[in-house]
Amino acid sequence: MFRENNFDWNSHNQQIVRQGTQILEQTGQSINRAEQIAIETETIGTEVVSELESQRETLLRTRGRLEDANSQLDSARSVITKMSRNIVYNKLILILIIILEGAILISYAYIKFFKPKK
């Protein structure tokens, strides 16, 4: 196939070395790109974690406020229930007073006009 005297081993070896060097350079560039992407990914990840921490703190504060508001609503509900009960009691007492006054008026009118005089 190849004759020893026609084939230039030096130029063949130089070509193989150049190809190896090109492959090595391409691999180095690929590693550099991967390293840059890793750095960008780490930066984005750090920003996301920071934002999530901030949102967590906000949610915890909001939760505390909602728990306070819920407690205040329970207290207000209790006060309103007591007020409603007192309104019903006051109405019942007022009705009893009106009935009692009516009975007194009827008794007075009976005594004044219908009771036989002695």
N, C-alpha and C. Protein backbone atom coordinates (compact mmCIF):
# COMPACT_ATOMS: atom_id res chain seq x y z
N MET A 1 0.81 -1.18 0.00
CA MET A 1 0.00 0.00 0.00
C MET A 1 0.86 1.25 0.00
N PHE A 2 1.37 1.56 1.17
CA PHE A 2 2.25 2.72 1.25
C PHE A 2 3.69 2.25 1.08
N ARG A 3 4.35 2.98 0.33
CA ARG A 3 5.76 2.67 0.20
C ARG A 3 6.52 3.49 1.22
N GLU A 4 7.50 2.91 1.77
CA GLU A 4 8.27 3.56 2.81
C GLU A 4 8.94 4.80 2.30
N ASN A 5 9.36 4.82 1.17
CA ASN A 5 10.13 5.96 0.68
C ASN A 5 9.25 7.09 0.17
N ASN A 6 8.00 6.85 -0.24
CA ASN A 6 7.11 7.90 -0.72
C ASN A 6 6.30 8.56 0.40
N PHE A 7 6.12 7.93 1.50
CA PHE A 7 5.28 8.45 2.58
C PHE A 7 6.14 9.31 3.51
N ASP A 8 5.61 10.52 3.79
CA ASP A 8 6.34 11.47 4.65
C ASP A 8 5.78 11.39 6.07
N TRP A 9 6.52 10.68 6.89
CA TRP A 9 6.08 10.46 8.26
C TRP A 9 6.09 11.75 9.06
N ASN A 10 6.98 12.60 8.81
CA ASN A 10 7.05 13.86 9.57
C ASN A 10 5.81 14.72 9.33
N SER A 11 5.44 14.87 8.08
CA SER A 11 4.26 15.69 7.79
C SER A 11 3.00 15.01 8.31
N HIS A 12 2.94 13.70 8.25
CA HIS A 12 1.80 12.96 8.79
C HIS A 12 1.70 13.17 10.32
N ASN A 13 2.82 13.06 11.01
CA ASN A 13 2.83 13.26 12.46
C ASN A 13 2.46 14.70 12.82
N GLN A 14 2.95 15.65 12.01
CA GLN A 14 2.61 17.06 12.28
C GLN A 14 1.11 17.30 12.10
N GLN A 15 0.54 16.68 11.09
CA GLN A 15 -0.90 16.81 10.86
C GLN A 15 -1.69 16.20 12.02
N ILE A 16 -1.28 15.06 12.52
CA ILE A 16 -1.94 14.42 13.66
C ILE A 16 -1.81 15.31 14.89
N VAL A 17 -0.64 15.90 15.09
CA VAL A 17 -0.43 16.78 16.23
C VAL A 17 -1.33 18.02 16.10
N ARG A 18 -1.42 18.60 14.88
CA ARG A 18 -2.30 19.76 14.66
C ARG A 18 -3.76 19.40 14.94
N GLN A 19 -4.19 18.24 14.49
CA GLN A 19 -5.56 17.81 14.74
C GLN A 19 -5.79 17.61 16.24
N GLY A 20 -4.84 17.01 16.92
CA GLY A 20 -4.94 16.82 18.37
C GLY A 20 -4.98 18.16 19.09
N THR A 21 -4.19 19.11 18.63
CA THR A 21 -4.17 20.45 19.23
C THR A 21 -5.52 21.14 19.00
N GLN A 22 -6.08 21.02 17.81
CA GLN A 22 -7.40 21.61 17.52
C GLN A 22 -8.46 20.99 18.42
N ILE A 23 -8.43 19.68 18.55
CA ILE A 23 -9.41 18.99 19.40
C ILE A 23 -9.24 19.44 20.84
N LEU A 24 -7.99 19.57 21.28
CA LEU A 24 -7.70 20.02 22.63
C LEU A 24 -8.21 21.45 22.85
N GLU A 25 -8.01 22.33 21.87
CA GLU A 25 -8.49 23.71 21.97
C GLU A 25 -10.02 23.75 22.01
N GLN A 26 -10.66 22.95 21.15
CA GLN A 26 -12.11 22.89 21.14
C GLN A 26 -12.64 22.37 22.48
N THR A 27 -11.97 21.38 23.03
CA THR A 27 -12.37 20.84 24.33
C THR A 27 -12.20 21.89 25.41
N GLY A 28 -11.11 22.64 25.36
CA GLY A 28 -10.88 23.72 26.32
C GLY A 28 -11.95 24.80 26.22
N GLN A 29 -12.31 25.16 24.99
CA GLN A 29 -13.38 26.15 24.80
C GLN A 29 -14.71 25.62 25.33
N SER A 30 -14.98 24.36 25.08
CA SER A 30 -16.21 23.76 25.57
C SER A 30 -16.23 23.75 27.09
N ILE A 31 -15.11 23.45 27.71
CA ILE A 31 -15.02 23.47 29.18
C ILE A 31 -15.22 24.89 29.68
N ASN A 32 -14.64 25.87 29.00
CA ASN A 32 -14.82 27.28 29.41
C ASN A 32 -16.28 27.70 29.32
N ARG A 33 -16.95 27.30 28.23
CA ARG A 33 -18.38 27.61 28.09
C ARG A 33 -19.19 26.94 29.20
N ALA A 34 -18.89 25.67 29.48
CA ALA A 34 -19.60 24.95 30.54
C ALA A 34 -19.36 25.62 31.89
N GLU A 35 -18.13 26.06 32.12
CA GLU A 35 -17.81 26.76 33.38
C GLU A 35 -18.58 28.07 33.48
N GLN A 36 -18.67 28.82 32.40
CA GLN A 36 -19.41 30.08 32.39
C GLN A 36 -20.90 29.82 32.65
N ILE A 37 -21.44 28.79 32.03
CA ILE A 37 -22.86 28.44 32.25
C ILE A 37 -23.07 28.04 33.71
N ALA A 38 -22.12 27.29 34.28
CA ALA A 38 -22.24 26.88 35.68
C ALA A 38 -22.22 28.10 36.60
N ILE A 39 -21.37 29.08 36.30
CA ILE A 39 -21.30 30.31 37.11
C ILE A 39 -22.61 31.08 37.00
N GLU A 40 -23.14 31.21 35.78
CA GLU A 40 -24.41 31.91 35.58
C GLU A 40 -25.54 31.18 36.31
N THR A 41 -25.54 29.86 36.23
CA THR A 41 -26.57 29.06 36.90
C THR A 41 -26.48 29.24 38.41
N GLU A 42 -25.28 29.26 38.94
CA GLU A 42 -25.09 29.46 40.38
C GLU A 42 -25.58 30.84 40.79
N THR A 43 -25.29 31.86 39.99
CA THR A 43 -25.75 33.22 40.29
C THR A 43 -27.27 33.28 40.29
N ILE A 44 -27.88 32.69 39.28
CA ILE A 44 -29.35 32.67 39.21
C ILE A 44 -29.92 31.89 40.39
N GLY A 45 -29.32 30.76 40.73
CA GLY A 45 -29.78 29.97 41.87
C GLY A 45 -29.70 30.75 43.17
N THR A 46 -28.62 31.50 43.35
CA THR A 46 -28.47 32.32 44.56
C THR A 46 -29.54 33.40 44.61
N GLU A 47 -29.82 34.03 43.47
CA GLU A 47 -30.87 35.05 43.42
C GLU A 47 -32.24 34.44 43.72
N VAL A 48 -32.50 33.27 43.19
CA VAL A 48 -33.79 32.60 43.42
C VAL A 48 -33.94 32.25 44.90
N VAL A 49 -32.87 31.72 45.51
CA VAL A 49 -32.93 31.37 46.93
C VAL A 49 -33.17 32.62 47.77
N SER A 50 -32.49 33.71 47.42
CA SER A 50 -32.69 34.96 48.16
C SER A 50 -34.13 35.45 48.03
N GLU A 51 -34.66 35.40 46.83
CA GLU A 51 -36.05 35.82 46.60
C GLU A 51 -37.03 34.92 47.35
N LEU A 52 -36.76 33.62 47.35
CA LEU A 52 -37.63 32.69 48.07
C LEU A 52 -37.58 32.95 49.58
N GLU A 53 -36.42 33.27 50.11
CA GLU A 53 -36.32 33.60 51.53
C GLU A 53 -37.14 34.84 51.85
N SER A 54 -37.05 35.83 50.97
CA SER A 54 -37.82 37.06 51.16
C SER A 54 -39.32 36.76 51.12
N GLN A 55 -39.74 35.96 50.17
CA GLN A 55 -41.15 35.61 50.06
C GLN A 55 -41.61 34.80 51.27
N ARG A 56 -40.74 33.94 51.79
CA ARG A 56 -41.08 33.15 52.97
C ARG A 56 -41.32 34.07 54.17
N GLU A 57 -40.41 35.03 54.34
CA GLU A 57 -40.58 35.98 55.45
C GLU A 57 -41.89 36.76 55.30
N THR A 58 -42.18 37.18 54.08
CA THR A 58 -43.43 37.90 53.82
C THR A 58 -44.63 37.03 54.14
N LEU A 59 -44.59 35.77 53.73
CA LEU A 59 -45.70 34.86 54.00
C LEU A 59 -45.86 34.60 55.50
N LEU A 60 -44.74 34.49 56.21
CA LEU A 60 -44.83 34.27 57.66
C LEU A 60 -45.43 35.49 58.36
N ARG A 61 -45.02 36.70 57.94
CA ARG A 61 -45.61 37.91 58.52
C ARG A 61 -47.10 37.98 58.21
N THR A 62 -47.46 37.66 56.97
CA THR A 62 -48.87 37.69 56.57
C THR A 62 -49.66 36.66 57.36
N ARG A 63 -49.08 35.49 57.58
CA ARG A 63 -49.76 34.45 58.36
C ARG A 63 -50.01 34.94 59.78
N GLY A 64 -49.01 35.58 60.37
CA GLY A 64 -49.18 36.11 61.72
C GLY A 64 -50.28 37.16 61.78
N ARG A 65 -50.31 38.03 60.79
CA ARG A 65 -51.36 39.05 60.74
C ARG A 65 -52.74 38.41 60.59
N LEU A 66 -52.83 37.39 59.75
CA LEU A 66 -54.11 36.71 59.56
C LEU A 66 -54.56 36.00 60.83
N GLU A 67 -53.62 35.41 61.56
CA GLU A 67 -53.98 34.76 62.81
C GLU A 67 -54.49 35.80 63.82
N ASP A 68 -53.82 36.98 63.85
CA ASP A 68 -54.29 38.06 64.73
C ASP A 68 -55.69 38.52 64.31
N ALA A 69 -55.87 38.70 63.01
CA ALA A 69 -57.18 39.14 62.52
C ALA A 69 -58.25 38.09 62.84
N ASN A 70 -57.92 36.83 62.70
CA ASN A 70 -58.87 35.76 63.02
C ASN A 70 -59.23 35.80 64.50
N SER A 71 -58.24 36.02 65.35
CA SER A 71 -58.51 36.12 66.78
C SER A 71 -59.42 37.30 67.08
N GLN A 72 -59.14 38.43 66.43
CA GLN A 72 -59.98 39.61 66.64
C GLN A 72 -61.39 39.38 66.11
N LEU A 73 -61.51 38.67 65.00
CA LEU A 73 -62.84 38.35 64.48
C LEU A 73 -63.61 37.46 65.45
N ASP A 74 -62.92 36.51 66.06
CA ASP A 74 -63.58 35.66 67.05
C ASP A 74 -64.08 36.49 68.23
N SER A 75 -63.24 37.43 68.67
CA SER A 75 -63.65 38.30 69.78
C SER A 75 -64.85 39.16 69.37
N ALA A 76 -64.80 39.71 68.16
CA ALA A 76 -65.91 40.55 67.68
C ALA A 76 -67.19 39.72 67.55
N ARG A 77 -67.06 38.49 67.07
CA ARG A 77 -68.21 37.60 66.94
C ARG A 77 -68.84 37.34 68.31
N SER A 78 -67.99 37.13 69.31
CA SER A 78 -68.48 36.90 70.66
C SER A 78 -69.21 38.13 71.19
N VAL A 79 -68.65 39.32 70.95
CA VAL A 79 -69.29 40.56 71.39
C VAL A 79 -70.63 40.75 70.69
N ILE A 80 -70.67 40.50 69.40
CA ILE A 80 -71.92 40.66 68.64
C ILE A 80 -72.98 39.67 69.14
N THR A 81 -72.57 38.44 69.44
CA THR A 81 -73.51 37.45 69.96
C THR A 81 -74.08 37.91 71.30
N LYS A 82 -73.22 38.43 72.17
CA LYS A 82 -73.70 38.93 73.47
C LYS A 82 -74.64 40.11 73.27
N MET A 83 -74.30 41.01 72.34
CA MET A 83 -75.17 42.16 72.08
C MET A 83 -76.52 41.70 71.56
N SER A 84 -76.53 40.72 70.67
CA SER A 84 -77.80 40.20 70.13
C SER A 84 -78.64 39.59 71.24
N ARG A 85 -78.00 38.84 72.11
CA ARG A 85 -78.71 38.24 73.23
C ARG A 85 -79.29 39.33 74.14
N ASN A 86 -78.50 40.37 74.40
CA ASN A 86 -78.98 41.47 75.25
C ASN A 86 -80.14 42.22 74.59
N ILE A 87 -80.10 42.36 73.27
CA ILE A 87 -81.21 43.01 72.56
C ILE A 87 -82.49 42.21 72.75
N VAL A 88 -82.40 40.90 72.62
CA VAL A 88 -83.59 40.04 72.80
C VAL A 88 -84.10 40.16 74.23
N TYR A 89 -83.19 40.11 75.22
CA TYR A 89 -83.61 40.25 76.62
C TYR A 89 -84.26 41.60 76.85
N ASN A 90 -83.69 42.67 76.31
CA ASN A 90 -84.26 44.01 76.47
C ASN A 90 -85.66 44.11 75.85
N LYS A 91 -85.82 43.49 74.68
CA LYS A 91 -87.15 43.49 74.05
C LYS A 91 -88.15 42.74 74.91
N LEU A 92 -87.76 41.60 75.44
CA LEU A 92 -88.66 40.83 76.31
C LEU A 92 -89.03 41.63 77.56
N ILE A 93 -88.06 42.29 78.15
CA ILE A 93 -88.34 43.11 79.34
C ILE A 93 -89.26 44.26 78.97
N LEU A 94 -89.03 44.90 77.82
CA LEU A 94 -89.88 46.00 77.37
C LEU A 94 -91.31 45.51 77.14
N ILE A 95 -91.46 44.35 76.54
CA ILE A 95 -92.80 43.78 76.32
C ILE A 95 -93.48 43.50 77.66
N LEU A 96 -92.75 42.95 78.61
CA LEU A 96 -93.31 42.69 79.92
C LEU A 96 -93.73 43.99 80.62
N ILE A 97 -92.90 45.03 80.49
CA ILE A 97 -93.24 46.33 81.09
C ILE A 97 -94.51 46.89 80.45
N ILE A 98 -94.60 46.80 79.11
CA ILE A 98 -95.80 47.29 78.41
C ILE A 98 -97.03 46.52 78.86
N ILE A 99 -96.92 45.19 78.96
CA ILE A 99 -98.05 44.37 79.42
C ILE A 99 -98.42 44.75 80.85
N LEU A 100 -97.42 44.92 81.70
CA LEU A 100 -97.67 45.30 83.08
C LEU A 100 -98.34 46.68 83.16
N GLU A 101 -97.88 47.63 82.37
CA GLU A 101 -98.50 48.97 82.35
C GLU A 101 -99.94 48.88 81.82
N GLY A 102 -100.13 48.06 80.80
CA GLY A 102 -101.50 47.86 80.29
C GLY A 102 -102.40 47.27 81.35
N ALA A 103 -101.89 46.28 82.09
CA ALA A 103 -102.68 45.67 83.16
C ALA A 103 -103.00 46.68 84.25
N ILE A 104 -102.01 47.52 84.58
CA ILE A 104 -102.23 48.56 85.59
C ILE A 104 -103.29 49.55 85.10
N LEU A 105 -103.20 49.95 83.84
CA LEU A 105 -104.18 50.89 83.28
C LEU A 105 -105.58 50.28 83.26
N ILE A 106 -105.66 49.03 82.86
CA ILE A 106 -106.97 48.37 82.83
C ILE A 106 -107.52 48.25 84.25
N SER A 107 -106.67 47.87 85.20
CA SER A 107 -107.11 47.77 86.59
C SER A 107 -107.55 49.14 87.11
N TYR A 108 -106.82 50.15 86.83
CA TYR A 108 -107.18 51.50 87.28
C TYR A 108 -108.50 51.94 86.67
N ALA A 109 -108.67 51.68 85.35
CA ALA A 109 -109.91 52.05 84.69
C ALA A 109 -111.07 51.25 85.28
N TYR A 110 -110.87 49.98 85.56
CA TYR A 110 -111.92 49.16 86.16
C TYR A 110 -112.29 49.71 87.54
N ILE A 111 -111.27 50.00 88.31
CA ILE A 111 -111.54 50.51 89.66
C ILE A 111 -112.22 51.88 89.58
N LYS A 112 -111.80 52.70 88.70
CA LYS A 112 -112.33 54.06 88.59
C LYS A 112 -113.75 54.08 88.03
N PHE A 113 -114.03 53.27 87.04
CA PHE A 113 -115.31 53.38 86.34
C PHE A 113 -116.28 52.25 86.60
N PHE A 114 -115.81 51.08 86.88
CA PHE A 114 -116.74 49.96 86.97
C PHE A 114 -116.92 49.40 88.38
N LYS A 115 -116.14 49.77 89.29
CA LYS A 115 -116.27 49.24 90.64
C LYS A 115 -117.43 49.94 91.32
N PRO A 116 -118.30 49.15 91.93
CA PRO A 116 -119.45 49.79 92.58
C PRO A 116 -118.99 50.66 93.75
N LYS A 117 -119.65 51.77 93.88
CA LYS A 117 -119.30 52.69 94.93
C LYS A 117 -120.03 52.29 96.19
N LYS A 118 -119.48 52.51 97.30
CA LYS A 118 -120.13 52.17 98.56
C LYS A 118 -120.89 53.28 99.11
